[in-house]
N, C-alpha and C. Protein backbone atom coordinates (compact mmCIF):
# COMPACT_ATOMS: atom_id res chain seq x y z
N MET A 1 69.67 -210.96 24.59
CA MET A 1 70.86 -211.36 25.35
C MET A 1 72.02 -211.59 24.39
N SER A 2 73.17 -210.99 24.69
CA SER A 2 74.32 -211.13 23.81
C SER A 2 75.29 -212.15 24.38
N PHE A 3 76.05 -212.78 23.51
CA PHE A 3 77.04 -213.78 23.89
C PHE A 3 78.41 -213.34 23.40
N THR A 4 79.43 -213.66 24.15
CA THR A 4 80.79 -213.39 23.73
C THR A 4 81.38 -214.65 23.14
N VAL A 5 81.69 -214.61 21.86
CA VAL A 5 82.22 -215.78 21.18
C VAL A 5 83.73 -215.73 21.23
N PRO A 6 84.39 -216.75 21.82
CA PRO A 6 85.86 -216.73 21.92
C PRO A 6 86.51 -216.78 20.54
N LEU A 7 87.77 -216.39 20.51
CA LEU A 7 88.54 -216.49 19.29
C LEU A 7 88.76 -217.94 18.92
N PRO A 8 89.02 -218.24 17.64
CA PRO A 8 89.25 -219.64 17.23
C PRO A 8 90.43 -220.22 17.99
N ARG A 9 90.33 -221.51 18.30
CA ARG A 9 91.38 -222.18 19.04
C ARG A 9 91.88 -223.36 18.22
N ALA A 10 93.10 -223.79 18.54
CA ALA A 10 93.68 -224.92 17.85
C ALA A 10 92.96 -226.19 18.24
N PRO A 11 92.79 -227.16 17.31
CA PRO A 11 92.13 -228.43 17.65
C PRO A 11 92.91 -229.16 18.72
N LEU A 12 92.18 -229.89 19.58
CA LEU A 12 92.83 -230.69 20.59
C LEU A 12 93.64 -231.80 19.92
N GLU A 13 94.81 -232.06 20.46
CA GLU A 13 95.66 -233.10 19.90
C GLU A 13 94.96 -234.45 20.03
N GLY A 14 94.96 -235.21 18.95
CA GLY A 14 94.34 -236.52 18.98
C GLY A 14 92.83 -236.46 19.03
N GLY A 15 92.25 -235.32 18.61
CA GLY A 15 90.81 -235.16 18.72
C GLY A 15 90.04 -235.76 17.57
N ARG A 16 90.69 -236.47 16.68
CA ARG A 16 90.02 -237.03 15.50
C ARG A 16 88.98 -238.05 15.91
N ALA A 17 87.91 -238.10 15.15
CA ALA A 17 86.84 -239.06 15.45
C ALA A 17 87.38 -240.47 15.38
N GLN A 18 86.91 -241.32 16.30
CA GLN A 18 87.32 -242.71 16.30
C GLN A 18 86.11 -243.58 16.55
N SER A 19 86.20 -244.80 16.08
CA SER A 19 85.10 -245.74 16.27
C SER A 19 85.20 -246.37 17.64
N HIS A 20 84.12 -247.05 18.07
CA HIS A 20 84.14 -247.67 19.38
C HIS A 20 85.18 -248.77 19.45
N ALA A 21 85.51 -249.38 18.32
CA ALA A 21 86.51 -250.45 18.33
C ALA A 21 87.91 -249.90 18.53
N GLN A 22 88.13 -248.60 18.23
CA GLN A 22 89.44 -248.01 18.38
C GLN A 22 89.64 -247.38 19.74
N ALA A 23 88.56 -247.14 20.47
CA ALA A 23 88.66 -246.46 21.76
C ALA A 23 89.39 -247.33 22.77
N HIS A 24 90.23 -246.73 23.60
CA HIS A 24 91.03 -247.49 24.55
C HIS A 24 90.34 -247.53 25.91
N ASP A 25 90.22 -248.72 26.45
CA ASP A 25 89.66 -248.87 27.78
C ASP A 25 90.31 -250.09 28.42
N ALA A 26 91.41 -249.86 29.12
CA ALA A 26 92.18 -250.96 29.68
C ALA A 26 91.44 -251.63 30.83
N GLY A 27 90.44 -250.96 31.40
CA GLY A 27 89.78 -251.52 32.57
C GLY A 27 88.56 -252.34 32.26
N ALA A 28 88.28 -252.65 31.03
CA ALA A 28 87.08 -253.40 30.69
C ALA A 28 87.22 -254.85 31.08
N PRO A 29 86.30 -255.40 31.88
CA PRO A 29 86.38 -256.79 32.26
C PRO A 29 86.11 -257.70 31.09
N GLU A 30 86.51 -258.97 31.21
CA GLU A 30 86.34 -259.93 30.14
C GLU A 30 85.35 -261.00 30.56
N GLY A 31 84.81 -261.71 29.53
CA GLY A 31 83.90 -262.80 29.83
C GLY A 31 82.50 -262.49 29.42
N PRO A 32 81.61 -263.49 29.44
CA PRO A 32 80.25 -263.29 28.96
C PRO A 32 79.43 -262.35 29.81
N SER A 33 79.83 -262.14 31.07
CA SER A 33 79.01 -261.31 31.94
C SER A 33 79.01 -259.85 31.52
N VAL A 34 79.96 -259.43 30.63
CA VAL A 34 80.02 -258.02 30.26
C VAL A 34 78.80 -257.58 29.49
N ALA A 35 78.05 -258.49 28.93
CA ALA A 35 76.88 -258.12 28.14
C ALA A 35 75.68 -257.81 29.02
N SER A 36 75.78 -258.05 30.31
CA SER A 36 74.63 -257.86 31.19
C SER A 36 74.40 -256.39 31.48
N ALA A 37 73.14 -256.05 31.78
CA ALA A 37 72.81 -254.67 32.10
C ALA A 37 73.54 -254.21 33.35
N GLY A 38 73.75 -255.14 34.31
CA GLY A 38 74.46 -254.78 35.53
C GLY A 38 75.88 -254.36 35.26
N SER A 39 76.54 -255.02 34.30
CA SER A 39 77.91 -254.66 33.94
C SER A 39 77.96 -253.27 33.33
N PHE A 40 76.98 -252.97 32.46
CA PHE A 40 76.92 -251.64 31.87
C PHE A 40 76.80 -250.59 32.97
N ALA A 41 75.87 -250.79 33.86
CA ALA A 41 75.64 -249.83 34.93
C ALA A 41 76.89 -249.66 35.79
N TRP A 42 77.56 -250.77 36.08
CA TRP A 42 78.77 -250.70 36.90
C TRP A 42 79.82 -249.85 36.22
N TRP A 43 80.02 -250.02 34.93
CA TRP A 43 81.05 -249.28 34.20
C TRP A 43 80.78 -247.77 34.28
N TYR A 44 79.53 -247.39 34.14
CA TYR A 44 79.20 -245.96 34.17
C TYR A 44 79.19 -245.40 35.59
N GLU A 45 78.60 -246.12 36.52
CA GLU A 45 78.47 -245.59 37.87
C GLU A 45 79.81 -245.57 38.61
N LYS A 46 80.60 -246.63 38.49
CA LYS A 46 81.86 -246.71 39.22
C LYS A 46 83.00 -246.04 38.46
N GLY A 47 83.02 -246.21 37.15
CA GLY A 47 84.13 -245.67 36.38
C GLY A 47 84.01 -244.20 36.07
N LEU A 48 82.76 -243.71 35.89
CA LEU A 48 82.55 -242.33 35.48
C LEU A 48 81.74 -241.52 36.48
N GLY A 49 81.06 -242.20 37.39
CA GLY A 49 80.23 -241.48 38.35
C GLY A 49 78.95 -240.96 37.75
N TRP A 50 78.45 -241.61 36.69
CA TRP A 50 77.23 -241.18 36.03
C TRP A 50 76.04 -241.98 36.53
N ALA A 51 74.90 -241.32 36.71
CA ALA A 51 73.69 -241.99 37.14
C ALA A 51 73.08 -242.79 35.99
N THR A 52 72.59 -243.98 36.28
CA THR A 52 71.97 -244.83 35.27
C THR A 52 70.56 -245.23 35.68
N VAL A 53 69.79 -245.68 34.72
CA VAL A 53 68.46 -246.24 34.94
C VAL A 53 68.49 -247.66 34.43
N ALA A 54 68.07 -248.60 35.27
CA ALA A 54 68.14 -250.02 34.92
C ALA A 54 67.35 -250.30 33.65
N GLY A 55 67.87 -251.23 32.86
CA GLY A 55 67.23 -251.62 31.61
C GLY A 55 66.66 -253.02 31.68
N PRO A 56 66.64 -253.74 30.59
CA PRO A 56 67.31 -253.29 29.36
C PRO A 56 66.45 -252.38 28.48
N PRO A 57 67.09 -251.47 27.70
CA PRO A 57 68.52 -251.17 27.78
C PRO A 57 68.82 -250.22 28.93
N VAL A 58 70.03 -250.28 29.44
CA VAL A 58 70.46 -249.32 30.46
C VAL A 58 70.43 -247.92 29.84
N GLN A 59 69.99 -246.94 30.62
CA GLN A 59 69.94 -245.57 30.14
C GLN A 59 70.75 -244.66 31.06
N LEU A 60 71.26 -243.58 30.49
CA LEU A 60 72.00 -242.58 31.24
C LEU A 60 71.11 -241.37 31.48
N LEU A 61 71.14 -240.86 32.70
CA LEU A 61 70.34 -239.68 33.04
C LEU A 61 71.07 -238.42 32.60
N THR A 62 70.39 -237.55 31.89
CA THR A 62 70.96 -236.27 31.48
C THR A 62 70.53 -235.18 32.46
N GLY A 63 71.24 -234.07 32.41
CA GLY A 63 70.92 -232.95 33.28
C GLY A 63 71.63 -232.97 34.62
N LEU A 64 72.39 -234.03 34.90
CA LEU A 64 73.13 -234.12 36.16
C LEU A 64 74.62 -233.82 35.93
N ARG A 65 75.28 -234.68 35.19
CA ARG A 65 76.70 -234.48 34.89
C ARG A 65 76.90 -233.92 33.49
N PHE A 66 75.89 -234.05 32.66
CA PHE A 66 75.99 -233.59 31.27
C PHE A 66 74.60 -233.45 30.68
N ASP A 67 74.50 -232.67 29.60
CA ASP A 67 73.33 -232.62 28.74
C ASP A 67 73.72 -233.22 27.39
N VAL A 68 72.76 -233.32 26.49
CA VAL A 68 73.02 -233.95 25.20
C VAL A 68 72.46 -233.09 24.08
N LEU A 69 73.29 -232.86 23.06
CA LEU A 69 72.86 -232.24 21.82
C LEU A 69 72.71 -233.36 20.80
N GLU A 70 71.47 -233.57 20.32
CA GLU A 70 71.16 -234.72 19.47
C GLU A 70 70.78 -234.25 18.08
N LEU A 71 71.30 -234.94 17.05
CA LEU A 71 71.05 -234.55 15.67
C LEU A 71 71.12 -235.78 14.76
N PRO A 72 70.62 -235.66 13.52
CA PRO A 72 70.69 -236.80 12.60
C PRO A 72 72.13 -237.26 12.40
N ALA A 73 72.29 -238.57 12.20
CA ALA A 73 73.63 -239.15 12.12
C ALA A 73 74.44 -238.58 10.95
N ASP A 74 73.79 -238.33 9.80
CA ASP A 74 74.56 -237.80 8.67
C ASP A 74 75.08 -236.41 8.96
N ALA A 75 74.28 -235.59 9.66
CA ALA A 75 74.74 -234.27 10.05
C ALA A 75 75.83 -234.37 11.12
N GLY A 76 75.64 -235.29 12.05
CA GLY A 76 76.65 -235.48 13.09
C GLY A 76 77.98 -235.91 12.53
N ASP A 77 77.94 -236.76 11.51
CA ASP A 77 79.18 -237.20 10.88
C ASP A 77 79.93 -236.02 10.25
N ALA A 78 79.18 -235.10 9.67
CA ALA A 78 79.81 -233.91 9.09
C ALA A 78 80.44 -233.05 10.17
N VAL A 79 79.78 -232.93 11.31
CA VAL A 79 80.35 -232.17 12.43
C VAL A 79 81.65 -232.81 12.91
N LEU A 80 81.66 -234.11 13.03
CA LEU A 80 82.87 -234.80 13.49
C LEU A 80 84.03 -234.60 12.51
N ARG A 81 83.74 -234.59 11.22
CA ARG A 81 84.80 -234.40 10.23
C ARG A 81 85.39 -233.00 10.30
N ARG A 82 84.59 -232.03 10.71
CA ARG A 82 85.05 -230.64 10.69
C ARG A 82 85.44 -230.12 12.08
N THR A 83 85.11 -230.86 13.13
CA THR A 83 85.35 -230.38 14.48
C THR A 83 86.17 -231.39 15.25
N ALA A 84 87.42 -231.07 15.50
CA ALA A 84 88.29 -231.99 16.23
C ALA A 84 87.98 -231.99 17.72
N ALA A 85 87.65 -230.84 18.26
CA ALA A 85 87.46 -230.71 19.71
C ALA A 85 85.98 -230.81 20.07
N THR A 86 85.58 -231.93 20.64
CA THR A 86 84.24 -232.11 21.17
C THR A 86 84.37 -232.87 22.48
N GLY A 87 83.25 -233.02 23.17
CA GLY A 87 83.21 -233.95 24.28
C GLY A 87 82.92 -235.34 23.75
N PRO A 88 82.54 -236.28 24.62
CA PRO A 88 82.16 -237.62 24.15
C PRO A 88 81.00 -237.56 23.17
N VAL A 89 81.01 -238.48 22.19
CA VAL A 89 79.98 -238.53 21.15
C VAL A 89 79.53 -239.97 20.99
N ALA A 90 78.22 -240.19 20.92
CA ALA A 90 77.66 -241.53 20.76
C ALA A 90 76.75 -241.59 19.55
N LEU A 91 76.62 -242.80 18.99
CA LEU A 91 75.72 -243.04 17.86
C LEU A 91 74.67 -244.05 18.28
N HIS A 92 73.40 -243.73 17.99
CA HIS A 92 72.30 -244.66 18.27
C HIS A 92 71.37 -244.67 17.08
N GLY A 93 71.49 -245.70 16.24
CA GLY A 93 70.65 -245.77 15.05
C GLY A 93 70.93 -244.63 14.10
N GLU A 94 69.92 -243.83 13.80
CA GLU A 94 70.05 -242.71 12.87
C GLU A 94 70.28 -241.38 13.58
N ARG A 95 70.59 -241.43 14.88
CA ARG A 95 70.81 -240.20 15.64
C ARG A 95 72.18 -240.23 16.30
N MET A 96 72.79 -239.05 16.41
CA MET A 96 74.09 -238.92 17.05
C MET A 96 73.94 -237.98 18.24
N ALA A 97 74.61 -238.31 19.34
CA ALA A 97 74.50 -237.55 20.58
C ALA A 97 75.85 -236.96 20.96
N PHE A 98 75.91 -235.63 21.07
CA PHE A 98 77.10 -234.92 21.52
C PHE A 98 76.89 -234.50 22.97
N LEU A 99 77.73 -234.97 23.86
CA LEU A 99 77.61 -234.59 25.26
C LEU A 99 78.13 -233.17 25.46
N VAL A 100 77.34 -232.37 26.17
CA VAL A 100 77.69 -230.98 26.46
C VAL A 100 77.51 -230.74 27.95
N ALA A 101 77.97 -229.60 28.43
CA ALA A 101 77.92 -229.30 29.85
C ALA A 101 76.49 -229.29 30.37
N ALA A 102 76.31 -229.73 31.59
CA ALA A 102 74.99 -229.71 32.22
C ALA A 102 74.44 -228.29 32.24
N GLY A 103 73.17 -228.14 31.90
CA GLY A 103 72.54 -226.83 31.80
C GLY A 103 72.54 -226.26 30.39
N SER A 104 73.31 -226.86 29.49
CA SER A 104 73.39 -226.34 28.12
C SER A 104 72.10 -226.50 27.35
N ALA A 105 71.31 -227.53 27.67
CA ALA A 105 70.06 -227.76 26.93
C ALA A 105 69.14 -226.55 27.02
N ASP A 106 69.15 -225.87 28.17
CA ASP A 106 68.30 -224.68 28.33
C ASP A 106 68.78 -223.52 27.47
N GLU A 107 70.05 -223.52 27.10
CA GLU A 107 70.62 -222.42 26.32
C GLU A 107 70.44 -222.61 24.82
N VAL A 108 70.20 -223.85 24.38
CA VAL A 108 70.20 -224.14 22.94
C VAL A 108 69.13 -223.35 22.18
N PRO A 109 67.87 -223.27 22.63
CA PRO A 109 66.88 -222.50 21.86
C PRO A 109 67.29 -221.05 21.66
N GLY A 110 67.81 -220.42 22.72
CA GLY A 110 68.25 -219.04 22.60
C GLY A 110 69.45 -218.89 21.68
N LEU A 111 70.35 -219.85 21.74
CA LEU A 111 71.51 -219.81 20.86
C LEU A 111 71.09 -219.94 19.39
N LEU A 112 70.15 -220.84 19.12
CA LEU A 112 69.69 -221.00 17.74
C LEU A 112 69.03 -219.72 17.22
N ASP A 113 68.27 -219.05 18.07
CA ASP A 113 67.68 -217.77 17.67
C ASP A 113 68.76 -216.74 17.41
N TRP A 114 69.73 -216.66 18.30
CA TRP A 114 70.81 -215.67 18.17
C TRP A 114 71.65 -215.92 16.93
N LEU A 115 71.82 -217.20 16.59
CA LEU A 115 72.59 -217.58 15.41
C LEU A 115 71.74 -217.56 14.13
N GLU A 116 70.47 -217.10 14.26
CA GLU A 116 69.53 -216.96 13.15
C GLU A 116 69.13 -218.30 12.54
N TRP A 117 69.07 -219.33 13.40
CA TRP A 117 68.54 -220.62 12.99
C TRP A 117 67.15 -220.88 13.58
N GLY A 118 66.64 -219.94 14.35
CA GLY A 118 65.35 -220.13 15.00
C GLY A 118 64.22 -220.29 13.99
N GLY A 119 63.30 -221.22 14.26
CA GLY A 119 62.15 -221.43 13.40
C GLY A 119 62.42 -222.29 12.19
N ILE A 120 63.66 -222.77 12.02
CA ILE A 120 64.01 -223.63 10.88
C ILE A 120 64.03 -225.08 11.34
N ALA A 121 63.36 -225.95 10.59
CA ALA A 121 63.31 -227.37 10.95
C ALA A 121 64.68 -228.00 10.69
N LEU A 122 65.38 -228.33 11.77
CA LEU A 122 66.74 -228.85 11.64
C LEU A 122 66.87 -230.29 12.10
N GLY A 123 65.94 -230.76 12.93
CA GLY A 123 66.10 -232.08 13.52
C GLY A 123 67.12 -232.07 14.64
N LEU A 124 67.39 -230.88 15.19
CA LEU A 124 68.38 -230.71 16.26
C LEU A 124 67.64 -230.52 17.58
N THR A 125 67.91 -231.40 18.54
CA THR A 125 67.24 -231.34 19.83
C THR A 125 68.26 -231.38 20.95
N ALA A 126 67.82 -231.01 22.14
CA ALA A 126 68.70 -231.02 23.32
C ALA A 126 67.99 -231.72 24.47
N LEU A 127 68.72 -232.58 25.18
CA LEU A 127 68.21 -233.27 26.36
C LEU A 127 68.88 -232.73 27.60
N GLY A 128 68.07 -232.30 28.55
CA GLY A 128 68.61 -231.76 29.79
C GLY A 128 68.06 -232.47 31.01
N ALA A 129 67.59 -231.70 31.99
CA ALA A 129 67.08 -232.26 33.23
C ALA A 129 65.96 -233.26 32.96
N ASP A 130 66.01 -234.39 33.65
CA ASP A 130 65.01 -235.46 33.56
C ASP A 130 65.02 -236.19 32.21
N GLY A 131 66.03 -235.95 31.39
CA GLY A 131 66.14 -236.65 30.13
C GLY A 131 66.92 -237.95 30.26
N ARG A 132 66.84 -238.78 29.25
CA ARG A 132 67.56 -240.06 29.24
C ARG A 132 68.10 -240.34 27.85
N MET A 133 69.25 -240.99 27.81
CA MET A 133 69.81 -241.46 26.55
C MET A 133 70.25 -242.90 26.72
N PRO A 134 70.15 -243.73 25.66
CA PRO A 134 70.60 -245.12 25.77
C PRO A 134 72.09 -245.17 26.11
N ALA A 135 72.45 -246.04 27.01
CA ALA A 135 73.85 -246.18 27.40
C ALA A 135 74.60 -246.98 26.34
N PRO A 136 75.59 -246.37 25.68
CA PRO A 136 76.36 -247.14 24.69
C PRO A 136 77.18 -248.24 25.36
N GLY A 137 77.45 -249.30 24.61
CA GLY A 137 78.32 -250.34 25.14
C GLY A 137 79.69 -249.78 25.44
N PRO A 138 80.26 -250.08 26.60
CA PRO A 138 81.61 -249.59 26.92
C PRO A 138 82.59 -249.96 25.82
N PRO A 139 83.48 -249.05 25.43
CA PRO A 139 84.40 -249.32 24.32
C PRO A 139 85.30 -250.51 24.60
N ARG A 140 85.51 -251.30 23.53
CA ARG A 140 86.39 -252.47 23.54
C ARG A 140 85.84 -253.63 24.36
N TRP A 141 84.60 -253.55 24.79
CA TRP A 141 83.99 -254.70 25.45
C TRP A 141 83.48 -255.64 24.36
N PRO A 142 83.53 -256.95 24.58
CA PRO A 142 83.05 -257.89 23.56
C PRO A 142 81.63 -257.63 23.11
N CYS A 143 80.78 -257.17 24.04
CA CYS A 143 79.38 -256.94 23.69
C CYS A 143 79.20 -255.75 22.76
N ALA A 144 80.24 -254.89 22.64
CA ALA A 144 80.12 -253.70 21.81
C ALA A 144 80.56 -253.96 20.38
N THR A 145 81.12 -255.13 20.11
CA THR A 145 81.70 -255.41 18.80
C THR A 145 80.69 -255.27 17.68
N GLY A 146 79.52 -255.90 17.82
CA GLY A 146 78.52 -255.82 16.76
C GLY A 146 77.35 -254.94 17.10
N ALA A 147 77.54 -254.07 18.11
CA ALA A 147 76.41 -253.26 18.57
C ALA A 147 75.91 -252.30 17.51
N ALA A 148 76.82 -251.66 16.78
CA ALA A 148 76.40 -250.68 15.77
C ALA A 148 75.57 -251.34 14.68
N ALA A 149 75.99 -252.52 14.27
CA ALA A 149 75.25 -253.21 13.21
C ALA A 149 73.86 -253.60 13.67
N GLN A 150 73.68 -253.81 14.97
CA GLN A 150 72.39 -254.21 15.50
C GLN A 150 71.54 -253.02 15.94
N GLY A 151 72.05 -251.80 15.74
CA GLY A 151 71.29 -250.61 16.07
C GLY A 151 71.42 -250.15 17.49
N ALA A 152 72.25 -250.82 18.32
CA ALA A 152 72.44 -250.39 19.69
C ALA A 152 73.37 -249.18 19.73
N ALA A 153 73.31 -248.43 20.82
CA ALA A 153 74.15 -247.24 20.95
C ALA A 153 75.62 -247.64 21.12
N VAL A 154 76.50 -246.89 20.47
CA VAL A 154 77.95 -247.11 20.57
C VAL A 154 78.65 -245.76 20.72
N TRP A 155 79.82 -245.79 21.33
CA TRP A 155 80.63 -244.58 21.45
C TRP A 155 81.46 -244.38 20.20
N LEU A 156 81.46 -243.16 19.65
CA LEU A 156 82.36 -242.77 18.58
C LEU A 156 83.58 -242.05 19.15
N ARG A 157 83.34 -241.20 20.12
CA ARG A 157 84.39 -240.56 20.92
C ARG A 157 84.05 -240.85 22.38
N PRO A 158 84.60 -241.89 22.95
CA PRO A 158 84.16 -242.33 24.28
C PRO A 158 84.75 -241.51 25.42
N PRO A 159 84.06 -241.50 26.56
CA PRO A 159 84.64 -240.91 27.77
C PRO A 159 85.72 -241.84 28.32
N GLU A 160 86.57 -241.31 29.16
CA GLU A 160 87.65 -242.10 29.73
C GLU A 160 87.40 -242.29 31.22
N PRO A 161 87.16 -243.53 31.67
CA PRO A 161 86.96 -243.78 33.10
C PRO A 161 88.17 -243.34 33.90
N GLY A 162 87.91 -242.79 35.07
CA GLY A 162 88.99 -242.33 35.93
C GLY A 162 89.42 -240.91 35.66
N ARG A 163 88.87 -240.28 34.61
CA ARG A 163 89.20 -238.90 34.30
C ARG A 163 87.93 -238.06 34.34
N GLU A 164 88.06 -236.82 34.82
CA GLU A 164 86.91 -235.94 34.88
C GLU A 164 86.43 -235.61 33.46
N VAL A 165 85.16 -235.87 33.18
CA VAL A 165 84.61 -235.61 31.86
C VAL A 165 84.16 -234.16 31.72
N GLU A 166 83.66 -233.57 32.81
CA GLU A 166 83.07 -232.24 32.74
C GLU A 166 83.98 -231.18 32.12
N PRO A 167 85.29 -231.17 32.42
CA PRO A 167 86.14 -230.12 31.81
C PRO A 167 86.26 -230.22 30.30
N THR A 168 85.90 -231.36 29.71
CA THR A 168 86.01 -231.54 28.26
C THR A 168 84.70 -231.24 27.53
N LEU A 169 83.62 -230.94 28.27
CA LEU A 169 82.32 -230.77 27.65
C LEU A 169 82.13 -229.35 27.13
N PRO A 170 81.60 -229.20 25.92
CA PRO A 170 81.32 -227.86 25.39
C PRO A 170 80.40 -227.10 26.32
N SER A 171 80.72 -225.82 26.54
CA SER A 171 79.93 -224.99 27.44
C SER A 171 80.01 -223.55 26.98
N LEU A 172 79.14 -222.71 27.54
CA LEU A 172 79.14 -221.29 27.17
C LEU A 172 80.30 -220.59 27.84
N ALA A 173 80.96 -219.70 27.10
CA ALA A 173 82.01 -218.87 27.68
C ALA A 173 81.35 -217.81 28.56
N PRO A 174 81.93 -217.52 29.72
CA PRO A 174 81.37 -216.47 30.58
C PRO A 174 81.35 -215.13 29.85
N PHE A 175 80.42 -214.28 30.24
CA PHE A 175 80.29 -212.96 29.62
C PHE A 175 81.60 -212.19 29.78
N GLY A 176 82.12 -211.68 28.67
CA GLY A 176 83.36 -210.92 28.71
C GLY A 176 84.60 -211.76 28.62
N TYR A 177 84.46 -213.09 28.62
CA TYR A 177 85.63 -213.97 28.54
C TYR A 177 86.11 -214.02 27.10
N GLU A 178 87.39 -213.76 26.89
CA GLU A 178 87.92 -213.69 25.54
C GLU A 178 89.02 -214.70 25.30
N GLY A 179 89.05 -215.75 26.11
CA GLY A 179 90.04 -216.79 25.89
C GLY A 179 89.60 -217.71 24.78
N GLY A 180 90.36 -218.76 24.58
CA GLY A 180 90.06 -219.67 23.48
C GLY A 180 89.28 -220.89 23.90
N ASP A 181 88.91 -220.99 25.18
CA ASP A 181 88.26 -222.18 25.68
C ASP A 181 86.78 -221.94 25.89
N GLY A 182 86.09 -223.00 26.25
CA GLY A 182 84.69 -222.88 26.60
C GLY A 182 84.52 -222.35 28.01
N GLY A 183 83.33 -222.51 28.53
CA GLY A 183 83.01 -221.93 29.82
C GLY A 183 83.80 -222.48 30.98
N SER A 184 84.34 -223.69 30.88
CA SER A 184 85.07 -224.25 31.99
C SER A 184 86.44 -223.63 32.15
N GLY A 185 86.96 -223.02 31.08
CA GLY A 185 88.27 -222.44 31.12
C GLY A 185 89.37 -223.48 31.14
N GLY A 186 89.04 -224.74 30.96
CA GLY A 186 90.04 -225.79 31.05
C GLY A 186 90.26 -226.52 29.75
N GLY A 187 90.01 -225.87 28.64
CA GLY A 187 90.25 -226.51 27.36
C GLY A 187 89.00 -227.07 26.72
N ALA A 188 87.84 -226.82 27.29
CA ALA A 188 86.59 -227.33 26.74
C ALA A 188 86.23 -226.58 25.46
N PRO A 189 85.64 -227.28 24.48
CA PRO A 189 85.16 -226.60 23.27
C PRO A 189 84.04 -225.63 23.63
N ASP A 190 83.81 -224.66 22.77
CA ASP A 190 82.78 -223.66 23.02
C ASP A 190 81.43 -224.12 22.50
N LEU A 191 80.41 -223.98 23.32
CA LEU A 191 79.07 -224.44 22.97
C LEU A 191 78.51 -223.67 21.78
N VAL A 192 78.79 -222.38 21.68
CA VAL A 192 78.25 -221.58 20.58
C VAL A 192 78.73 -222.14 19.24
N ARG A 193 80.02 -222.43 19.15
CA ARG A 193 80.56 -222.96 17.89
C ARG A 193 79.98 -224.33 17.57
N LEU A 194 79.83 -225.16 18.59
CA LEU A 194 79.28 -226.50 18.35
C LEU A 194 77.84 -226.42 17.87
N VAL A 195 77.02 -225.60 18.51
CA VAL A 195 75.62 -225.46 18.10
C VAL A 195 75.53 -224.91 16.69
N ASP A 196 76.36 -223.92 16.36
CA ASP A 196 76.34 -223.35 15.01
C ASP A 196 76.77 -224.39 13.98
N ALA A 197 77.84 -225.15 14.30
CA ALA A 197 78.30 -226.20 13.38
C ALA A 197 77.23 -227.28 13.21
N ALA A 198 76.56 -227.64 14.31
CA ALA A 198 75.53 -228.66 14.24
C ALA A 198 74.33 -228.19 13.43
N ALA A 199 73.90 -226.95 13.64
CA ALA A 199 72.76 -226.41 12.90
C ALA A 199 73.08 -226.33 11.40
N THR A 200 74.29 -225.88 11.07
CA THR A 200 74.69 -225.79 9.67
C THR A 200 74.70 -227.17 9.01
N ALA A 201 75.26 -228.16 9.73
CA ALA A 201 75.32 -229.52 9.19
C ALA A 201 73.93 -230.11 9.03
N CYS A 202 73.04 -229.85 9.99
CA CYS A 202 71.67 -230.36 9.90
C CYS A 202 70.95 -229.77 8.69
N HIS A 203 71.13 -228.46 8.45
CA HIS A 203 70.48 -227.81 7.32
C HIS A 203 71.00 -228.37 6.00
N ARG A 204 72.32 -228.53 5.88
CA ARG A 204 72.89 -229.07 4.66
C ARG A 204 72.45 -230.50 4.42
N ALA A 205 72.44 -231.31 5.49
CA ALA A 205 72.03 -232.70 5.35
C ALA A 205 70.56 -232.79 4.91
N ARG A 206 69.73 -231.92 5.44
CA ARG A 206 68.31 -231.92 5.08
C ARG A 206 68.13 -231.56 3.61
N LEU A 207 68.90 -230.57 3.14
CA LEU A 207 68.82 -230.20 1.72
C LEU A 207 69.31 -231.34 0.83
N LEU A 208 70.38 -232.00 1.23
CA LEU A 208 70.91 -233.11 0.44
C LEU A 208 69.91 -234.27 0.38
N ARG A 209 69.27 -234.55 1.53
CA ARG A 209 68.27 -235.62 1.52
C ARG A 209 67.12 -235.27 0.61
N GLY A 210 66.70 -234.00 0.62
CA GLY A 210 65.61 -233.57 -0.25
C GLY A 210 65.98 -233.66 -1.72
N ASN A 211 67.21 -233.27 -2.05
CA ASN A 211 67.65 -233.35 -3.45
C ASN A 211 67.74 -234.80 -3.91
N THR A 212 68.22 -235.67 -3.03
CA THR A 212 68.32 -237.09 -3.38
C THR A 212 66.95 -237.69 -3.62
N LEU A 213 65.98 -237.31 -2.78
CA LEU A 213 64.62 -237.83 -2.94
C LEU A 213 64.00 -237.36 -4.24
N ARG A 214 64.21 -236.08 -4.58
CA ARG A 214 63.65 -235.56 -5.84
C ARG A 214 64.28 -236.24 -7.04
N THR A 215 65.58 -236.52 -6.95
CA THR A 215 66.27 -237.19 -8.05
C THR A 215 65.73 -238.60 -8.28
N ARG A 216 65.41 -239.28 -7.17
CA ARG A 216 64.93 -240.66 -7.28
C ARG A 216 63.50 -240.74 -7.78
N THR A 217 62.70 -239.70 -7.48
CA THR A 217 61.29 -239.74 -7.84
C THR A 217 60.99 -239.00 -9.14
N GLN A 218 61.95 -238.23 -9.65
CA GLN A 218 61.70 -237.47 -10.88
C GLN A 218 61.67 -238.42 -12.09
N PRO A 219 60.63 -238.36 -12.91
CA PRO A 219 60.56 -239.26 -14.07
C PRO A 219 61.63 -238.89 -15.11
N LEU A 220 62.12 -239.90 -15.78
CA LEU A 220 63.12 -239.70 -16.81
C LEU A 220 62.48 -239.06 -18.04
N ALA A 221 63.22 -238.14 -18.65
CA ALA A 221 62.72 -237.46 -19.86
C ALA A 221 63.39 -238.09 -21.09
N PHE A 222 62.58 -238.48 -22.06
CA PHE A 222 63.11 -239.07 -23.28
C PHE A 222 62.79 -238.15 -24.46
N SER A 223 63.75 -237.98 -25.31
CA SER A 223 63.52 -237.12 -26.48
C SER A 223 63.13 -237.97 -27.68
């Protein structure tokens, strides 16, 4: 199966990676109740229309409004530095989650083969139908302040309540489509480029980790 890769497009304005403390969310309620699982669920279900699973911790269902491309955090950080245009991105411990269009998880294995990454251990996985991801603390909520330090999920590039998220999610361009956008045609990043960038970053990060380990374990030579 062949894919049509769109021409390079200009980065989205203001697409630079940001921390959860920098993300703007004027609708976040105040007070101690924001730390409750019910508050988390309310923010996602009412503000974004996303399905949740009661916790703790609250989880988001994948395969309905979005899928997830998951990779090691060091590789994900490299992708963020080099890719201005992505959908929402979350960090959970040593893993980073890039939200992509629903149905994309089924395309990832074929894309990796087509991009000649098939059979290589990358630590790159995709969550689709019936999958779950930890719900990050809503940006700028008091409960999210120390979440990263405690290993809880946090948003690096958060979704915006009240705005449709789907048009911003990386997706496959339709066959024969030669525009600069992803499959939605509305300015979404292209899934092929994101998967290739993620696979490349995962491979480089794995090599760097291996080199660092060998350097630490190699005995010193004295003359």
